[in-house]
Amino acid sequence: MRTILDTLKLTKIFIACDDFCQEFQHYSLNQSYQQPVRKERQMSEGEMMSILIFYHHSGMNCFKYYYEQIISKLLRSYWKKPYAYEAFVV
């Protein structure tokens, strides 16, 4: 199994995802319809998107192992407050 854990790539992915989410939110706020009010999440949409995209770049075959071992343990300092695996996949 080939595993690539390039944290610079993770940072670039997160920046792109976060920029996309902010632009999308700005675009949707300019529309005539109102968005429902949501409660504050533990993780931002950009963080969740970057985790999924980085998984596809990692070369791993098991998302559960990737999330529990890499995201929740090895790269824990990159996330404010990551969800537990069960909450992330719901």
PDB file of N, CA and C in Angstrom:
ATOM      1  N   MET A   1       0.842  -1.171   0.000  1.00  0.00           N
ATOM      2  CA  MET A   1       0.000   0.000   0.000  1.00  0.00           C
ATOM      3  C   MET A   1       0.892   1.242   0.000  1.00  0.00           C
ATOM      4  N   ARG A   2       0.608   2.141  -0.891  1.00  0.00           N
ATOM      5  CA  ARG A   2       1.357   3.383  -0.992  1.00  0.00           C
ATOM      6  C   ARG A   2       0.605   4.476  -0.249  1.00  0.00           C
ATOM      7  N   THR A   3       1.216   5.051   0.742  1.00  0.00           N
ATOM      8  CA  THR A   3       0.575   6.097   1.520  1.00  0.00           C
ATOM      9  C   THR A   3       1.365   7.382   1.390  1.00  0.00           C
ATOM     10  N   ILE A   4       0.688   8.422   1.008  1.00  0.00           N
ATOM     11  CA  ILE A   4       1.332   9.721   0.874  1.00  0.00           C
ATOM     12  C   ILE A   4       0.684  10.660   1.889  1.00  0.00           C
ATOM     13  N   LEU A   5       1.470  11.118   2.836  1.00  0.00           N
ATOM     14  CA  LEU A   5       0.962  12.041   3.842  1.00  0.00           C
ATOM     15  C   LEU A   5       1.720  13.361   3.742  1.00  0.00           C
ATOM     16  N   ASP A   6       1.446  14.087   2.703  1.00  0.00           N
ATOM     17  CA  ASP A   6       2.099  15.362   2.447  1.00  0.00           C
ATOM     18  C   ASP A   6       1.252  16.466   3.082  1.00  0.00           C
ATOM     19  N   THR A   7       1.684  16.983   4.226  1.00  0.00           N
ATOM     20  CA  THR A   7       0.883  17.976   4.933  1.00  0.00           C
ATOM     21  C   THR A   7       0.816  19.309   4.193  1.00  0.00           C
ATOM     22  N   LEU A   8       1.799  19.595   3.342  1.00  0.00           N
ATOM     23  CA  LEU A   8       1.729  20.797   2.519  1.00  0.00           C
ATOM     24  C   LEU A   8       0.567  20.668   1.533  1.00  0.00           C
ATOM     25  N   LYS A   9       0.401  19.478   0.964  1.00  0.00           N
ATOM     26  CA  LYS A   9      -0.720  19.230   0.060  1.00  0.00           C
ATOM     27  C   LYS A   9      -2.043  19.362   0.808  1.00  0.00           C
ATOM     28  N   LEU A  10      -2.094  18.867   2.045  1.00  0.00           N
ATOM     29  CA  LEU A  10      -3.294  18.994   2.862  1.00  0.00           C
ATOM     30  C   LEU A  10      -3.631  20.468   3.095  1.00  0.00           C
ATOM     31  N   THR A  11      -2.628  21.266   3.384  1.00  0.00           N
ATOM     32  CA  THR A  11      -2.844  22.695   3.606  1.00  0.00           C
ATOM     33  C   THR A  11      -3.370  23.367   2.347  1.00  0.00           C
ATOM     34  N   LYS A  12      -2.809  23.034   1.200  1.00  0.00           N
ATOM     35  CA  LYS A  12      -3.269  23.612  -0.068  1.00  0.00           C
ATOM     36  C   LYS A  12      -4.710  23.194  -0.366  1.00  0.00           C
ATOM     37  N   ILE A  13      -5.026  21.943  -0.099  1.00  0.00           N
ATOM     38  CA  ILE A  13      -6.393  21.452  -0.313  1.00  0.00           C
ATOM     39  C   ILE A  13      -7.359  22.195   0.600  1.00  0.00           C
ATOM     40  N   PHE A  14      -6.984  22.351   1.866  1.00  0.00           N
ATOM     41  CA  PHE A  14      -7.863  23.054   2.797  1.00  0.00           C
ATOM     42  C   PHE A  14      -8.102  24.489   2.354  1.00  0.00           C
ATOM     43  N   ILE A  15      -7.060  25.187   1.937  1.00  0.00           N
ATOM     44  CA  ILE A  15      -7.211  26.581   1.500  1.00  0.00           C
ATOM     45  C   ILE A  15      -8.159  26.670   0.317  1.00  0.00           C
ATOM     46  N   ALA A  16      -8.008  25.769  -0.648  1.00  0.00           N
ATOM     47  CA  ALA A  16      -8.889  25.767  -1.813  1.00  0.00           C
ATOM     48  C   ALA A  16     -10.337  25.468  -1.415  1.00  0.00           C
ATOM     49  N   CYS A  17     -10.532  24.502  -0.529  1.00  0.00           N
ATOM     50  CA  CYS A  17     -11.883  24.151  -0.067  1.00  0.00           C
ATOM     51  C   CYS A  17     -12.511  25.292   0.720  1.00  0.00           C
ATOM     52  N   ASP A  18     -11.742  25.907   1.595  1.00  0.00           N
ATOM     53  CA  ASP A  18     -12.255  27.003   2.400  1.00  0.00           C
ATOM     54  C   ASP A  18     -12.615  28.199   1.522  1.00  0.00           C
ATOM     55  N   ASP A  19     -11.764  28.513   0.546  1.00  0.00           N
ATOM     56  CA  ASP A  19     -12.061  29.599  -0.392  1.00  0.00           C
ATOM     57  C   ASP A  19     -13.339  29.294  -1.172  1.00  0.00           C
ATOM     58  N   PHE A  20     -13.483  28.050  -1.620  1.00  0.00           N
ATOM     59  CA  PHE A  20     -14.685  27.656  -2.351  1.00  0.00           C
ATOM     60  C   PHE A  20     -15.930  27.834  -1.482  1.00  0.00           C
ATOM     61  N   CYS A  21     -15.872  27.369  -0.236  1.00  0.00           N
ATOM     62  CA  CYS A  21     -17.029  27.457   0.662  1.00  0.00           C
ATOM     63  C   CYS A  21     -17.399  28.909   0.945  1.00  0.00           C
ATOM     64  N   GLN A  22     -16.405  29.754   1.147  1.00  0.00           N
ATOM     65  CA  GLN A  22     -16.683  31.169   1.396  1.00  0.00           C
ATOM     66  C   GLN A  22     -17.292  31.828   0.166  1.00  0.00           C
ATOM     67  N   GLU A  23     -16.764  31.509  -1.017  1.00  0.00           N
ATOM     68  CA  GLU A  23     -17.308  32.076  -2.255  1.00  0.00           C
ATOM     69  C   GLU A  23     -18.729  31.578  -2.494  1.00  0.00           C
ATOM     70  N   PHE A  24     -18.967  30.307  -2.246  1.00  0.00           N
ATOM     71  CA  PHE A  24     -20.298  29.740  -2.418  1.00  0.00           C
ATOM     72  C   PHE A  24     -21.282  30.383  -1.444  1.00  0.00           C
ATOM     73  N   GLN A  25     -20.860  30.586  -0.196  1.00  0.00           N
ATOM     74  CA  GLN A  25     -21.722  31.218   0.792  1.00  0.00           C
ATOM     75  C   GLN A  25     -22.015  32.661   0.380  1.00  0.00           C
ATOM     76  N   HIS A  26     -21.022  33.368  -0.104  1.00  0.00           N
ATOM     77  CA  HIS A  26     -21.212  34.744  -0.564  1.00  0.00           C
ATOM     78  C   HIS A  26     -22.196  34.775  -1.728  1.00  0.00           C
ATOM     79  N   TYR A  27     -22.039  33.839  -2.655  1.00  0.00           N
ATOM     80  CA  TYR A  27     -22.939  33.759  -3.809  1.00  0.00           C
ATOM     81  C   TYR A  27     -24.362  33.458  -3.367  1.00  0.00           C
ATOM     82  N   SER A  28     -24.528  32.510  -2.467  1.00  0.00           N
ATOM     83  CA  SER A  28     -25.871  32.118  -2.028  1.00  0.00           C
ATOM     84  C   SER A  28     -26.533  33.216  -1.196  1.00  0.00           C
ATOM     85  N   LEU A  29     -25.740  34.039  -0.497  1.00  0.00           N
ATOM     86  CA  LEU A  29     -26.320  35.147   0.258  1.00  0.00           C
ATOM     87  C   LEU A  29     -26.847  36.239  -0.661  1.00  0.00           C
ATOM     88  N   ASN A  30     -26.294  36.326  -1.874  1.00  0.00           N
ATOM     89  CA  ASN A  30     -26.748  37.328  -2.835  1.00  0.00           C
ATOM     90  C   ASN A  30     -28.014  36.906  -3.565  1.00  0.00           C
ATOM     91  N   GLN A  31     -28.438  35.675  -3.383  1.00  0.00           N
ATOM     92  CA  GLN A  31     -29.658  35.188  -4.030  1.00  0.00           C
ATOM     93  C   GLN A  31     -30.882  35.691  -3.262  1.00  0.00           C
ATOM     94  N   SER A  32     -32.035  35.610  -3.886  1.00  0.00           N
ATOM     95  CA  SER A  32     -33.252  36.149  -3.282  1.00  0.00           C
ATOM     96  C   SER A  32     -33.842  35.259  -2.191  1.00  0.00           C
ATOM     97  N   TYR A  33     -33.476  33.995  -2.156  1.00  0.00           N
ATOM     98  CA  TYR A  33     -34.049  33.094  -1.139  1.00  0.00           C
ATOM     99  C   TYR A  33     -33.246  33.163   0.148  1.00  0.00           C
ATOM    100  N   GLN A  34     -33.904  32.843   1.252  1.00  0.00           N
ATOM    101  CA  GLN A  34     -33.236  32.847   2.546  1.00  0.00           C
ATOM    102  C   GLN A  34     -32.732  31.465   2.886  1.00  0.00           C
ATOM    103  N   GLN A  35     -31.553  31.410   3.459  1.00  0.00           N
ATOM    104  CA  GLN A  35     -30.981  30.142   3.895  1.00  0.00           C
ATOM    105  C   GLN A  35     -31.490  29.821   5.294  1.00  0.00           C
ATOM    106  N   PRO A  36     -31.729  28.539   5.586  1.00  0.00           N
ATOM    107  CA  PRO A  36     -32.142  28.195   6.947  1.00  0.00           C
ATOM    108  C   PRO A  36     -31.009  28.460   7.941  1.00  0.00           C
ATOM    109  N   VAL A  37     -31.366  28.819   9.124  1.00  0.00           N
ATOM    110  CA  VAL A  37     -30.381  29.086  10.177  1.00  0.00           C
ATOM    111  C   VAL A  37     -29.895  27.750  10.715  1.00  0.00           C
ATOM    112  N   ARG A  38     -28.582  27.567  10.729  1.00  0.00           N
ATOM    113  CA  ARG A  38     -27.979  26.323  11.226  1.00  0.00           C
ATOM    114  C   ARG A  38     -27.218  26.604  12.507  1.00  0.00           C
ATOM    115  N   LYS A  39     -27.178  25.609  13.362  1.00  0.00           N
ATOM    116  CA  LYS A  39     -26.369  25.778  14.566  1.00  0.00           C
ATOM    117  C   LYS A  39     -24.890  25.606  14.193  1.00  0.00           C
ATOM    118  N   GLU A  40     -24.045  26.157  15.007  1.00  0.00           N
ATOM    119  CA  GLU A  40     -22.597  26.103  14.774  1.00  0.00           C
ATOM    120  C   GLU A  40     -22.101  24.663  14.792  1.00  0.00           C
ATOM    121  N   ARG A  41     -21.278  24.315  13.813  1.00  0.00           N
ATOM    122  CA  ARG A  41     -20.710  22.969  13.721  1.00  0.00           C
ATOM    123  C   ARG A  41     -19.353  22.907  14.396  1.00  0.00           C
ATOM    124  N   GLN A  42     -18.956  21.679  14.741  1.00  0.00           N
ATOM    125  CA  GLN A  42     -17.615  21.468  15.286  1.00  0.00           C
ATOM    126  C   GLN A  42     -16.564  21.709  14.215  1.00  0.00           C
ATOM    127  N   MET A  43     -16.849  21.248  13.016  1.00  0.00           N
ATOM    128  CA  MET A  43     -15.901  21.373  11.904  1.00  0.00           C
ATOM    129  C   MET A  43     -16.559  22.192  10.799  1.00  0.00           C
ATOM    130  N   SER A  44     -15.751  22.956  10.096  1.00  0.00           N
ATOM    131  CA  SER A  44     -16.286  23.733   8.983  1.00  0.00           C
ATOM    132  C   SER A  44     -16.483  22.829   7.770  1.00  0.00           C
ATOM    133  N   GLU A  45     -17.271  23.310   6.826  1.00  0.00           N
ATOM    134  CA  GLU A  45     -17.485  22.549   5.596  1.00  0.00           C
ATOM    135  C   GLU A  45     -16.167  22.388   4.836  1.00  0.00           C
ATOM    136  N   GLY A  46     -15.318  23.416   4.877  1.00  0.00           N
ATOM    137  CA  GLY A  46     -14.017  23.351   4.220  1.00  0.00           C
ATOM    138  C   GLY A  46     -13.123  22.276   4.820  1.00  0.00           C
ATOM    139  N   GLU A  47     -13.164  22.132   6.144  1.00  0.00           N
ATOM    140  CA  GLU A  47     -12.380  21.092   6.807  1.00  0.00           C
ATOM    141  C   GLU A  47     -12.874  19.701   6.393  1.00  0.00           C
ATOM    142  N   MET A  48     -14.187  19.522   6.381  1.00  0.00           N
ATOM    143  CA  MET A  48     -14.731  18.218   6.014  1.00  0.00           C
ATOM    144  C   MET A  48     -14.423  17.872   4.551  1.00  0.00           C
ATOM    145  N   MET A  49     -14.549  18.859   3.670  1.00  0.00           N
ATOM    146  CA  MET A  49     -14.228  18.624   2.261  1.00  0.00           C
ATOM    147  C   MET A  49     -12.752  18.271   2.091  1.00  0.00           C
ATOM    148  N   SER A  50     -11.874  18.977   2.787  1.00  0.00           N
ATOM    149  CA  SER A  50     -10.438  18.722   2.641  1.00  0.00           C
ATOM    150  C   SER A  50     -10.056  17.338   3.160  1.00  0.00           C
ATOM    151  N   ILE A  51     -10.723  16.855   4.206  1.00  0.00           N
ATOM    152  CA  ILE A  51     -10.472  15.499   4.700  1.00  0.00           C
ATOM    153  C   ILE A  51     -10.820  14.477   3.631  1.00  0.00           C
ATOM    154  N   LEU A  52     -11.961  14.658   2.988  1.00  0.00           N
ATOM    155  CA  LEU A  52     -12.379  13.714   1.946  1.00  0.00           C
ATOM    156  C   LEU A  52     -11.452  13.759   0.729  1.00  0.00           C
ATOM    157  N   ILE A  53     -11.085  14.942   0.308  1.00  0.00           N
ATOM    158  CA  ILE A  53     -10.195  15.064  -0.855  1.00  0.00           C
ATOM    159  C   ILE A  53      -8.809  14.509  -0.542  1.00  0.00           C
ATOM    160  N   PHE A  54      -8.298  14.814   0.652  1.00  0.00           N
ATOM    161  CA  PHE A  54      -6.978  14.317   1.040  1.00  0.00           C
ATOM    162  C   PHE A  54      -6.968  12.793   1.127  1.00  0.00           C
ATOM    163  N   TYR A  55      -8.084  12.210   1.518  1.00  0.00           N
ATOM    164  CA  TYR A  55      -8.191  10.744   1.536  1.00  0.00           C
ATOM    165  C   TYR A  55      -7.921  10.176   0.141  1.00  0.00           C
ATOM    166  N   HIS A  56      -8.470  10.778  -0.879  1.00  0.00           N
ATOM    167  CA  HIS A  56      -8.269  10.277  -2.244  1.00  0.00           C
ATOM    168  C   HIS A  56      -6.823  10.471  -2.706  1.00  0.00           C
ATOM    169  N   HIS A  57      -6.128  11.440  -2.144  1.00  0.00           N
ATOM    170  CA  HIS A  57      -4.715  11.647  -2.475  1.00  0.00           C
ATOM    171  C   HIS A  57      -3.792  10.778  -1.631  1.00  0.00           C
ATOM    172  N   SER A  58      -4.309  10.204  -0.555  1.00  0.00           N
ATOM    173  CA  SER A  58      -3.466   9.462   0.382  1.00  0.00           C
ATOM    174  C   SER A  58      -3.043   8.086  -0.133  1.00  0.00           C
ATOM    175  N   GLY A  59      -3.820   7.514  -1.037  1.00  0.00           N
ATOM    176  CA  GLY A  59      -3.510   6.175  -1.532  1.00  0.00           C
ATOM    177  C   GLY A  59      -4.044   5.068  -0.636  1.00  0.00           C
ATOM    178  N   MET A  60      -4.754   5.421   0.408  1.00  0.00           N
ATOM    179  CA  MET A  60      -5.313   4.416   1.320  1.00  0.00           C
ATOM    180  C   MET A  60      -6.607   3.843   0.753  1.00  0.00           C
ATOM    181  N   ASN A  61      -6.920   2.621   1.189  1.00  0.00           N
ATOM    182  CA  ASN A  61      -8.118   1.948   0.689  1.00  0.00           C
ATOM    183  C   ASN A  61      -9.264   1.917   1.686  1.00  0.00           C
ATOM    184  N   CYS A  62      -8.995   2.181   2.942  1.00  0.00           N
ATOM    185  CA  CYS A  62     -10.011   2.083   3.991  1.00  0.00           C
ATOM    186  C   CYS A  62     -10.206   3.459   4.641  1.00  0.00           C
ATOM    187  N   PHE A  63     -11.371   4.067   4.406  1.00  0.00           N
ATOM    188  CA  PHE A  63     -11.622   5.403   4.936  1.00  0.00           C
ATOM    189  C   PHE A  63     -11.668   5.399   6.460  1.00  0.00           C
ATOM    190  N   LYS A  64     -12.232   4.357   7.057  1.00  0.00           N
ATOM    191  CA  LYS A  64     -12.334   4.299   8.513  1.00  0.00           C
ATOM    192  C   LYS A  64     -10.943   4.315   9.150  1.00  0.00           C
ATOM    193  N   TYR A  65     -10.031   3.493   8.642  1.00  0.00           N
ATOM    194  CA  TYR A  65      -8.659   3.466   9.159  1.00  0.00           C
ATOM    195  C   TYR A  65      -8.007   4.830   8.955  1.00  0.00           C
ATOM    196  N   TYR A  66      -8.155   5.403   7.763  1.00  0.00           N
ATOM    197  CA  TYR A  66      -7.590   6.716   7.439  1.00  0.00           C
ATOM    198  C   TYR A  66      -8.082   7.766   8.425  1.00  0.00           C
ATOM    199  N   TYR A  67      -9.398   7.788   8.662  1.00  0.00           N
ATOM    200  CA  TYR A  67      -9.960   8.817   9.533  1.00  0.00           C
ATOM    201  C   TYR A  67      -9.526   8.621  10.987  1.00  0.00           C
ATOM    202  N   GLU A  68      -9.631   7.387  11.466  1.00  0.00           N
ATOM    203  CA  GLU A  68      -9.310   7.137  12.871  1.00  0.00           C
ATOM    204  C   GLU A  68      -7.818   7.226  13.182  1.00  0.00           C
ATOM    205  N   GLN A  69      -6.963   6.752  12.290  1.00  0.00           N
ATOM    206  CA  GLN A  69      -5.523   6.733  12.561  1.00  0.00           C
ATOM    207  C   GLN A  69      -4.796   7.986  12.072  1.00  0.00           C
ATOM    208  N   ILE A  70      -5.147   8.460  10.895  1.00  0.00           N
ATOM    209  CA  ILE A  70      -4.423   9.594  10.308  1.00  0.00           C
ATOM    210  C   ILE A  70      -5.029  10.926  10.754  1.00  0.00           C
ATOM    211  N   ILE A  71      -6.312  11.108  10.511  1.00  0.00           N
ATOM    212  CA  ILE A  71      -6.961  12.386  10.821  1.00  0.00           C
ATOM    213  C   ILE A  71      -7.078  12.594  12.331  1.00  0.00           C
ATOM    214  N   SER A  72      -7.610  11.603  13.039  1.00  0.00           N
ATOM    215  CA  SER A  72      -7.883  11.772  14.471  1.00  0.00           C
ATOM    216  C   SER A  72      -6.649  11.657  15.358  1.00  0.00           C
ATOM    217  N   LYS A  73      -5.611  11.003  14.885  1.00  0.00           N
ATOM    218  CA  LYS A  73      -4.417  10.831  15.727  1.00  0.00           C
ATOM    219  C   LYS A  73      -3.208  11.565  15.160  1.00  0.00           C
ATOM    220  N   LEU A  74      -2.753  11.157  13.996  1.00  0.00           N
ATOM    221  CA  LEU A  74      -1.514  11.689  13.433  1.00  0.00           C
ATOM    222  C   LEU A  74      -1.624  13.175  13.071  1.00  0.00           C
ATOM    223  N   LEU A  75      -2.739  13.576  12.464  1.00  0.00           N
ATOM    224  CA  LEU A  75      -2.913  14.969  12.036  1.00  0.00           C
ATOM    225  C   LEU A  75      -3.902  15.725  12.919  1.00  0.00           C
ATOM    226  N   ARG A  76      -4.039  15.298  14.142  1.00  0.00           N
ATOM    227  CA  ARG A  76      -5.016  15.889  15.070  1.00  0.00           C
ATOM    228  C   ARG A  76      -4.837  17.399  15.225  1.00  0.00           C
ATOM    229  N   SER A  77      -3.631  17.885  15.204  1.00  0.00           N
ATOM    230  CA  SER A  77      -3.373  19.312  15.415  1.00  0.00           C
ATOM    231  C   SER A  77      -3.856  20.186  14.249  1.00  0.00           C
ATOM    232  N   TYR A  78      -4.211  19.576  13.120  1.00  0.00           N
ATOM    233  CA  TYR A  78      -4.672  20.338  11.964  1.00  0.00           C
ATOM    234  C   TYR A  78      -6.152  20.709  12.056  1.00  0.00           C
ATOM    235  N   TRP A  79      -6.887  20.100  12.968  1.00  0.00           N
ATOM    236  CA  TRP A  79      -8.337  20.321  13.068  1.00  0.00           C
ATOM    237  C   TRP A  79      -8.653  20.937  14.415  1.00  0.00           C
ATOM    238  N   LYS A  80      -9.595  21.884  14.422  1.00  0.00           N
ATOM    239  CA  LYS A  80     -10.005  22.514  15.674  1.00  0.00           C
ATOM    240  C   LYS A  80     -10.594  21.478  16.626  1.00  0.00           C
ATOM    241  N   LYS A  81     -11.597  20.782  16.166  1.00  0.00           N
ATOM    242  CA  LYS A  81     -12.258  19.770  16.989  1.00  0.00           C
ATOM    243  C   LYS A  81     -12.886  18.747  16.044  1.00  0.00           C
ATOM    244  N   PRO A  82     -12.137  17.738  15.647  1.00  0.00           N
ATOM    245  CA  PRO A  82     -12.678  16.786  14.672  1.00  0.00           C
ATOM    246  C   PRO A  82     -13.795  15.929  15.255  1.00  0.00           C
ATOM    247  N   TYR A  83     -14.730  15.594  14.394  1.00  0.00           N
ATOM    248  CA  TYR A  83     -15.800  14.685  14.769  1.00  0.00           C
ATOM    249  C   TYR A  83     -15.246  13.288  15.025  1.00  0.00           C
ATOM    250  N   ALA A  84     -15.971  12.507  15.798  1.00  0.00           N
ATOM    251  CA  ALA A  84     -15.680  11.087  15.885  1.00  0.00           C
ATOM    252  C   ALA A  84     -16.036  10.480  14.516  1.00  0.00           C
ATOM    253  N   TYR A  85     -15.421   9.361  14.168  1.00  0.00           N
ATOM    254  CA  TYR A  85     -15.660   8.747  12.864  1.00  0.00           C
ATOM    255  C   TYR A  85     -17.150   8.534  12.596  1.00  0.00           C
ATOM    256  N   GLU A  86     -17.870   7.998  13.591  1.00  0.00           N
ATOM    257  CA  GLU A  86     -19.285   7.674  13.433  1.00  0.00           C
ATOM    258  C   GLU A  86     -20.098   8.931  13.121  1.00  0.00           C
ATOM    259  N   ALA A  87     -19.761  10.050  13.731  1.00  0.00           N
ATOM    260  CA  ALA A  87     -20.472  11.297  13.476  1.00  0.00           C
ATOM    261  C   ALA A  87     -20.094  11.891  12.123  1.00  0.00           C
ATOM    262  N   PHE A  88     -18.850  11.679  11.696  1.00  0.00           N
ATOM    263  CA  PHE A  88     -18.395  12.228  10.421  1.00  0.00           C
ATOM    264  C   PHE A  88     -19.092  11.568   9.243  1.00  0.00           C
ATOM    265  N   VAL A  89     -19.280  10.280   9.305  1.00  0.00           N
ATOM    266  CA  VAL A  89     -19.840   9.551   8.158  1.00  0.00           C
ATOM    267  C   VAL A  89     -21.366   9.590   8.091  1.00  0.00           C
ATOM    268  N   VAL A  90     -22.013  10.095   9.126  1.00  0.00           N
ATOM    269  CA  VAL A  90     -23.497  10.165   9.120  1.00  0.00           C
ATOM    270  C   VAL A  90     -23.965  11.284   8.239  1.00  0.00           C
TER     271      VAL A  90
END
